[in-house]
Amino acid sequence: AKAWLSAFENTSHESETISCANIVWVSPPMERRAIKITRKLFQIFFLAATGVLTTRLLLGATTRTVEYYCPMGGIVSFYGLIKKQQFICALGETNLSLALALLAAVIVTKRSFCSWVCPLGTIAESLAGLRLRIIPKRKLRLSDRADAMLSKLKYVVLTVVPLLTYRAGELVFRAYDPFYVLFTGGRGHDLIAGLSLAFAATILLFTFLFEFAWCRYLCPLAAAMDPFSRCGILKIRRNEAACNSCSACDGVCPQRIPVSRVTKVTRADCTNCLECVAECPQAGALDVGI
């Protein structure tokens, strides 16, 4: 009742329109902005922390690279640990601990790591935003069929990378890992002069042209998280009684999930970025829960 009265008292600046046929009240715009601001602060923090590590490496203040803190390293090490009970190359206990912690977090929050923590994910999102300012989405968008087919490539990458790494006894993926190349300033160990930077630049170009191309189509860490994300505990929920089927949520989802057609978002590629919740004009239509 309090929320209903508030909708009438603040229609000029805190709420959207009220339908006589189907009376609804809307979350104040400030609350929706708070969702976006909170996530942006998380992204800025982790991107800045990674940037500081890169700067210290380039200045010679440390020899420790971002590789030391990469959970993908822990996942790559699984195969070697099972076969020979030892870590490969520069991988160690920290990578393994971070990988296990990440997978545990994914079981709770789905792939939130991608949209709240991952520095490369933050860069991809920034490039997508820049692209939309220059090229409208409708002018450059892969078909749903092409998108679905390309999204399977990351599982091939996840299979090939650990296998080749184990057989070579070296982190053969380093030279082609955009995260490692970018956040070592192109000076990381085993990088191929010119080629590694060119490959990273190509990945960024495709990520600019096609929204989240790296994350959706090639990232092996995303592929590793998917099985755990599918059964993630916290997920977006849609209240059919409050939803007016405006599809505003569908239009902002970076993973192209038809949120307006489901009661719970169980898809593995949902990153709980909450863009749909922030965009929803209907109070109580979308929330996060079990």
Protein backbone atom coordinates (compact mmCIF):
# COMPACT_ATOMS: atom_id res chain seq x y z
CA ALA A 1 0.00 0.00 0.00
CA LYS A 2 2.85 2.36 0.87
CA ALA A 3 4.53 1.74 -2.48
CA TRP A 4 1.18 2.28 -4.30
CA LEU A 5 0.60 5.64 -2.59
CA SER A 6 4.19 6.66 -3.25
CA ALA A 7 3.62 6.09 -6.96
CA PHE A 8 0.82 8.66 -6.93
CA GLU A 9 2.71 11.19 -4.83
CA ASN A 10 5.87 11.13 -6.96
CA THR A 11 4.69 10.57 -10.51
CA SER A 12 6.41 13.74 -11.68
CA HIS A 13 9.95 12.72 -10.85
CA GLU A 14 10.23 9.29 -9.21
CA SER A 15 7.97 6.99 -11.19
CA GLU A 16 6.90 6.03 -14.63
CA THR A 17 3.27 6.11 -15.88
CA ILE A 18 0.50 4.29 -14.04
CA SER A 19 -1.93 2.20 -16.05
CA CYS A 20 -5.59 2.36 -15.05
CA ALA A 21 -6.25 -1.07 -16.52
CA ASN A 22 -3.32 -2.67 -14.78
CA ILE A 23 -2.07 -0.50 -11.92
CA VAL A 24 1.65 -0.84 -11.29
CA TRP A 25 4.22 1.10 -9.35
CA VAL A 26 7.76 1.61 -10.52
CA SER A 27 11.09 1.59 -8.72
CA PRO A 28 12.53 5.09 -8.43
CA PRO A 29 15.09 5.86 -11.16
CA MET A 30 17.68 6.41 -8.42
CA GLU A 31 17.47 2.74 -7.42
CA ARG A 32 18.00 1.63 -10.99
CA ARG A 33 20.98 3.93 -11.39
CA ALA A 34 22.41 2.55 -8.15
CA ILE A 35 22.53 -0.95 -9.65
CA LYS A 36 24.59 0.26 -12.61
CA ILE A 37 26.86 2.47 -10.51
CA THR A 38 27.61 -0.33 -8.04
CA ARG A 39 28.66 -2.71 -10.80
CA LYS A 40 30.75 -0.01 -12.49
CA LEU A 41 32.61 0.61 -9.23
CA PHE A 42 33.45 -3.09 -8.99
CA GLN A 43 34.67 -3.11 -12.58
CA ILE A 44 36.79 0.02 -12.11
CA PHE A 45 38.37 -1.38 -8.95
CA PHE A 46 39.49 -4.66 -10.52
CA LEU A 47 40.56 -3.01 -13.77
CA ALA A 48 42.59 -0.43 -11.84
CA ALA A 49 44.18 -3.14 -9.67
CA THR A 50 45.19 -5.05 -12.79
CA GLY A 51 46.51 -1.84 -14.32
CA VAL A 52 48.65 -1.17 -11.24
CA LEU A 53 50.16 -4.66 -11.50
CA THR A 54 50.90 -4.09 -15.19
CA THR A 55 52.52 -0.72 -14.46
CA ARG A 56 54.74 -2.19 -11.73
CA LEU A 57 55.81 -4.94 -14.13
CA LEU A 58 56.70 -2.47 -16.88
CA LEU A 59 58.62 -0.28 -14.40
CA GLY A 60 60.61 -3.27 -13.19
CA ALA A 61 59.19 -3.07 -9.66
CA THR A 62 58.04 -6.69 -9.84
CA THR A 63 58.48 -9.78 -11.99
CA ARG A 64 55.06 -11.13 -11.08
CA THR A 65 52.56 -10.85 -13.94
CA VAL A 66 48.77 -11.09 -14.10
CA GLU A 67 49.28 -14.76 -14.88
CA TYR A 68 49.97 -15.34 -11.19
CA TYR A 69 46.40 -14.25 -10.34
CA CYS A 70 44.59 -15.82 -13.30
CA PRO A 71 42.04 -18.54 -12.37
CA MET A 72 42.31 -19.94 -15.89
CA GLY A 73 45.82 -21.04 -14.96
CA GLY A 74 44.35 -23.18 -12.22
CA ILE A 75 41.92 -24.81 -14.64
CA VAL A 76 44.73 -25.49 -17.13
CA SER A 77 46.75 -27.09 -14.33
CA PHE A 78 44.03 -29.65 -13.52
CA TYR A 79 45.11 -31.98 -16.31
CA GLY A 80 48.78 -31.95 -15.29
CA LEU A 81 47.94 -32.44 -11.63
CA ILE A 82 45.78 -35.46 -12.41
CA LYS A 83 48.34 -37.02 -14.78
CA LYS A 84 51.63 -36.21 -13.08
CA GLN A 85 50.68 -34.62 -9.76
CA GLN A 86 52.64 -31.48 -10.57
CA PHE A 87 52.04 -27.95 -11.82
CA ILE A 88 53.03 -26.95 -15.33
CA CYS A 89 55.50 -24.15 -15.96
CA ALA A 90 54.74 -21.00 -13.90
CA LEU A 91 51.41 -22.23 -12.57
CA GLY A 92 51.08 -22.88 -8.87
CA GLU A 93 48.89 -23.17 -5.80
CA THR A 94 47.56 -19.62 -6.13
CA ASN A 95 46.15 -20.32 -9.59
CA LEU A 96 44.54 -23.52 -8.37
CA SER A 97 43.06 -21.84 -5.29
CA LEU A 98 41.63 -19.00 -7.39
CA ALA A 99 40.16 -21.45 -9.89
CA LEU A 100 38.43 -23.47 -7.18
CA ALA A 101 37.18 -20.29 -5.47
CA LEU A 102 35.85 -19.00 -8.78
CA LEU A 103 33.99 -22.20 -9.59
CA ALA A 104 32.47 -22.18 -6.10
CA ALA A 105 31.38 -18.56 -6.62
CA VAL A 106 29.85 -19.45 -9.99
CA ILE A 107 27.69 -22.10 -8.32
CA VAL A 108 26.27 -19.33 -6.14
CA THR A 109 26.20 -16.28 -8.44
CA LYS A 110 26.41 -17.80 -11.95
CA ARG A 111 28.97 -16.09 -14.22
CA SER A 112 28.97 -12.81 -12.28
CA PHE A 113 32.77 -12.84 -12.49
CA CYS A 114 32.50 -11.91 -16.18
CA SER A 115 30.44 -8.76 -15.67
CA TRP A 116 31.63 -7.62 -12.25
CA VAL A 117 35.30 -8.62 -11.95
CA CYS A 118 37.05 -9.64 -15.18
CA PRO A 119 39.17 -6.74 -16.55
CA LEU A 120 38.90 -8.09 -20.10
CA GLY A 121 35.14 -8.27 -19.69
CA THR A 122 35.14 -4.62 -18.62
CA ILE A 123 37.13 -3.67 -21.70
CA ALA A 124 34.75 -5.67 -23.91
CA GLU A 125 31.78 -3.90 -22.37
CA SER A 126 33.40 -0.50 -22.91
CA LEU A 127 34.09 -1.36 -26.56
CA ALA A 128 30.47 -2.47 -27.00
CA GLY A 129 29.27 0.83 -25.57
CA LEU A 130 31.59 2.76 -27.87
CA ARG A 131 30.45 0.76 -30.89
CA LEU A 132 26.80 1.53 -30.14
CA ARG A 133 27.59 5.23 -30.22
CA ILE A 134 29.02 4.84 -33.71
CA ILE A 135 27.13 1.95 -35.27
CA PRO A 136 23.53 1.14 -34.21
CA LYS A 137 23.15 -2.47 -33.04
CA ARG A 138 20.66 -3.29 -35.79
CA LYS A 139 23.24 -2.38 -38.44
CA LEU A 140 25.83 -4.91 -37.29
CA ARG A 141 24.49 -7.98 -35.54
CA LEU A 142 25.06 -11.66 -36.13
CA SER A 143 22.03 -13.84 -36.67
CA ASP A 144 20.89 -15.98 -33.76
CA ARG A 145 21.99 -19.09 -35.65
CA ALA A 146 25.49 -17.74 -36.33
CA ASP A 147 25.76 -16.55 -32.73
CA ALA A 148 24.79 -20.00 -31.40
CA MET A 149 27.29 -21.77 -33.66
CA LEU A 150 30.18 -19.43 -32.84
CA SER A 151 29.49 -19.67 -29.11
CA LYS A 152 30.50 -23.35 -29.26
CA LEU A 153 34.05 -22.43 -30.30
CA LYS A 154 35.02 -21.60 -26.73
CA TYR A 155 34.48 -25.23 -25.73
CA VAL A 156 36.93 -26.28 -28.43
CA VAL A 157 39.44 -23.77 -27.06
CA LEU A 158 38.89 -25.09 -23.53
CA THR A 159 39.60 -28.64 -24.72
CA VAL A 160 42.63 -27.85 -26.86
CA VAL A 161 44.48 -25.42 -24.56
CA PRO A 162 44.95 -27.71 -21.50
CA LEU A 163 45.82 -30.68 -23.74
CA LEU A 164 48.50 -28.80 -25.70
CA THR A 165 49.80 -27.20 -22.52
CA TYR A 166 50.22 -30.58 -20.86
CA ARG A 167 51.92 -32.15 -23.88
CA ALA A 168 54.29 -29.22 -24.42
CA GLY A 169 55.00 -28.68 -20.74
CA GLU A 170 54.66 -24.95 -21.46
CA LEU A 171 51.86 -22.42 -21.44
CA VAL A 172 51.51 -22.42 -25.22
CA PHE A 173 48.38 -20.28 -25.05
CA ARG A 174 50.28 -17.32 -23.59
CA ALA A 175 51.25 -15.82 -26.93
CA TYR A 176 47.60 -15.73 -28.02
CA ASP A 177 45.89 -14.87 -24.75
CA PRO A 178 44.62 -11.26 -25.07
CA PHE A 179 44.42 -10.92 -21.28
CA TYR A 180 48.08 -11.86 -20.83
CA VAL A 181 49.27 -9.86 -23.85
CA LEU A 182 47.43 -6.67 -22.88
CA PHE A 183 48.15 -6.72 -19.17
CA THR A 184 51.85 -7.42 -19.57
CA GLY A 185 52.13 -4.49 -21.94
CA GLY A 186 53.22 -6.85 -24.70
CA ARG A 187 56.35 -7.75 -22.74
CA GLY A 188 55.27 -11.00 -21.16
CA HIS A 189 57.26 -14.21 -21.28
CA ASP A 190 56.93 -16.30 -24.46
CA LEU A 191 55.17 -13.58 -26.45
CA ILE A 192 55.90 -13.62 -30.18
CA ALA A 193 57.18 -10.23 -31.29
CA GLY A 194 54.52 -8.43 -33.26
CA LEU A 195 52.29 -11.48 -33.72
CA SER A 196 50.97 -11.56 -30.15
CA LEU A 197 50.09 -7.86 -30.19
CA ALA A 198 48.53 -8.21 -33.64
CA PHE A 199 46.41 -11.13 -32.45
CA ALA A 200 45.27 -9.22 -29.35
CA ALA A 201 44.43 -6.19 -31.50
CA THR A 202 42.39 -8.39 -33.84
CA ILE A 203 40.45 -9.82 -30.90
CA LEU A 204 39.71 -6.30 -29.65
CA LEU A 205 38.61 -5.23 -33.13
CA PHE A 206 36.16 -8.12 -33.41
CA THR A 207 34.97 -7.44 -29.86
CA PHE A 208 34.32 -3.86 -30.91
CA LEU A 209 32.43 -4.88 -34.05
CA PHE A 210 30.53 -7.81 -32.55
CA GLU A 211 29.41 -7.32 -28.98
CA PHE A 212 31.47 -9.39 -26.49
CA ALA A 213 32.98 -11.49 -29.29
CA TRP A 214 35.89 -12.77 -27.18
CA CYS A 215 33.75 -13.49 -24.14
CA ARG A 216 30.97 -15.20 -26.07
CA TYR A 217 32.91 -17.13 -28.70
CA LEU A 218 36.50 -17.82 -27.62
CA CYS A 219 37.08 -17.37 -23.88
CA PRO A 220 38.01 -20.78 -22.38
CA LEU A 221 37.34 -19.54 -18.85
CA ALA A 222 33.74 -18.74 -19.81
CA ALA A 223 33.43 -22.27 -21.21
CA ALA A 224 34.78 -23.74 -17.97
CA MET A 225 32.25 -21.78 -15.91
CA ASP A 226 29.22 -22.65 -18.03
CA PRO A 227 28.34 -26.07 -16.52
CA PHE A 228 28.47 -24.60 -13.00
CA SER A 229 26.64 -21.43 -14.05
CA ARG A 230 23.72 -23.42 -15.41
CA CYS A 231 22.90 -24.58 -11.89
CA GLY A 232 23.79 -21.24 -10.26
CA ILE A 233 21.76 -20.53 -7.14
CA LEU A 234 21.18 -16.78 -7.56
CA LYS A 235 19.43 -15.96 -10.80
CA ILE A 236 17.21 -13.37 -12.43
CA ARG A 237 13.51 -14.08 -11.80
CA ARG A 238 10.53 -12.63 -13.66
CA ASN A 239 7.20 -12.05 -11.93
CA GLU A 240 4.64 -12.74 -14.64
CA ALA A 241 1.93 -10.88 -12.72
CA ALA A 242 3.98 -7.66 -12.63
CA CYS A 243 5.53 -7.97 -16.11
CA ASN A 244 3.80 -6.14 -18.99
CA SER A 245 5.87 -7.92 -21.69
CA CYS A 246 7.47 -4.70 -22.93
CA SER A 247 10.70 -6.66 -23.72
CA ALA A 248 12.91 -3.82 -22.48
CA CYS A 249 14.99 -6.44 -20.67
CA ASP A 250 15.60 -8.40 -23.87
CA GLY A 251 17.00 -5.34 -25.63
CA VAL A 252 19.73 -4.63 -23.08
CA CYS A 253 20.89 -8.18 -22.34
CA PRO A 254 24.49 -8.49 -23.61
CA GLN A 255 24.07 -12.27 -23.84
CA ARG A 256 20.96 -12.01 -26.02
CA ILE A 257 18.83 -13.89 -23.49
CA PRO A 258 15.04 -13.51 -23.99
CA VAL A 259 14.43 -12.61 -20.35
CA SER A 260 10.80 -11.61 -21.02
CA ARG A 261 9.93 -15.17 -22.07
CA VAL A 262 11.10 -17.06 -19.00
CA THR A 263 10.23 -17.04 -15.32
CA LYS A 264 13.83 -17.79 -14.27
CA VAL A 265 17.01 -17.15 -16.23
CA THR A 266 18.80 -20.48 -16.02
CA ARG A 267 20.94 -20.14 -19.13
CA ALA A 268 24.62 -20.78 -18.48
CA ASP A 269 25.79 -17.60 -20.22
CA CYS A 270 23.86 -15.24 -17.92
CA THR A 271 26.44 -13.12 -16.09
CA ASN A 272 24.01 -11.52 -13.60
CA CYS A 273 25.05 -8.09 -14.84
CA LEU A 274 21.57 -6.90 -13.78
CA GLU A 275 21.21 -4.69 -16.84
CA CYS A 276 17.74 -6.18 -17.37
CA VAL A 277 16.74 -5.40 -13.78
CA ALA A 278 18.02 -1.84 -14.08
CA GLU A 279 16.21 -1.31 -17.40
CA CYS A 280 12.87 -2.82 -16.36
CA PRO A 281 10.17 -0.11 -16.01
CA GLN A 282 7.87 -2.34 -13.96
CA ALA A 283 8.51 -2.49 -10.23
CA GLY A 284 8.65 -6.07 -9.00
CA ALA A 285 8.76 -7.59 -12.48
CA LEU A 286 12.43 -8.60 -12.27
CA ASP A 287 14.56 -9.41 -9.27
CA VAL A 288 17.41 -11.67 -8.17
CA GLY A 289 16.67 -14.70 -6.07
CA ILE A 290 16.97 -18.45 -5.65
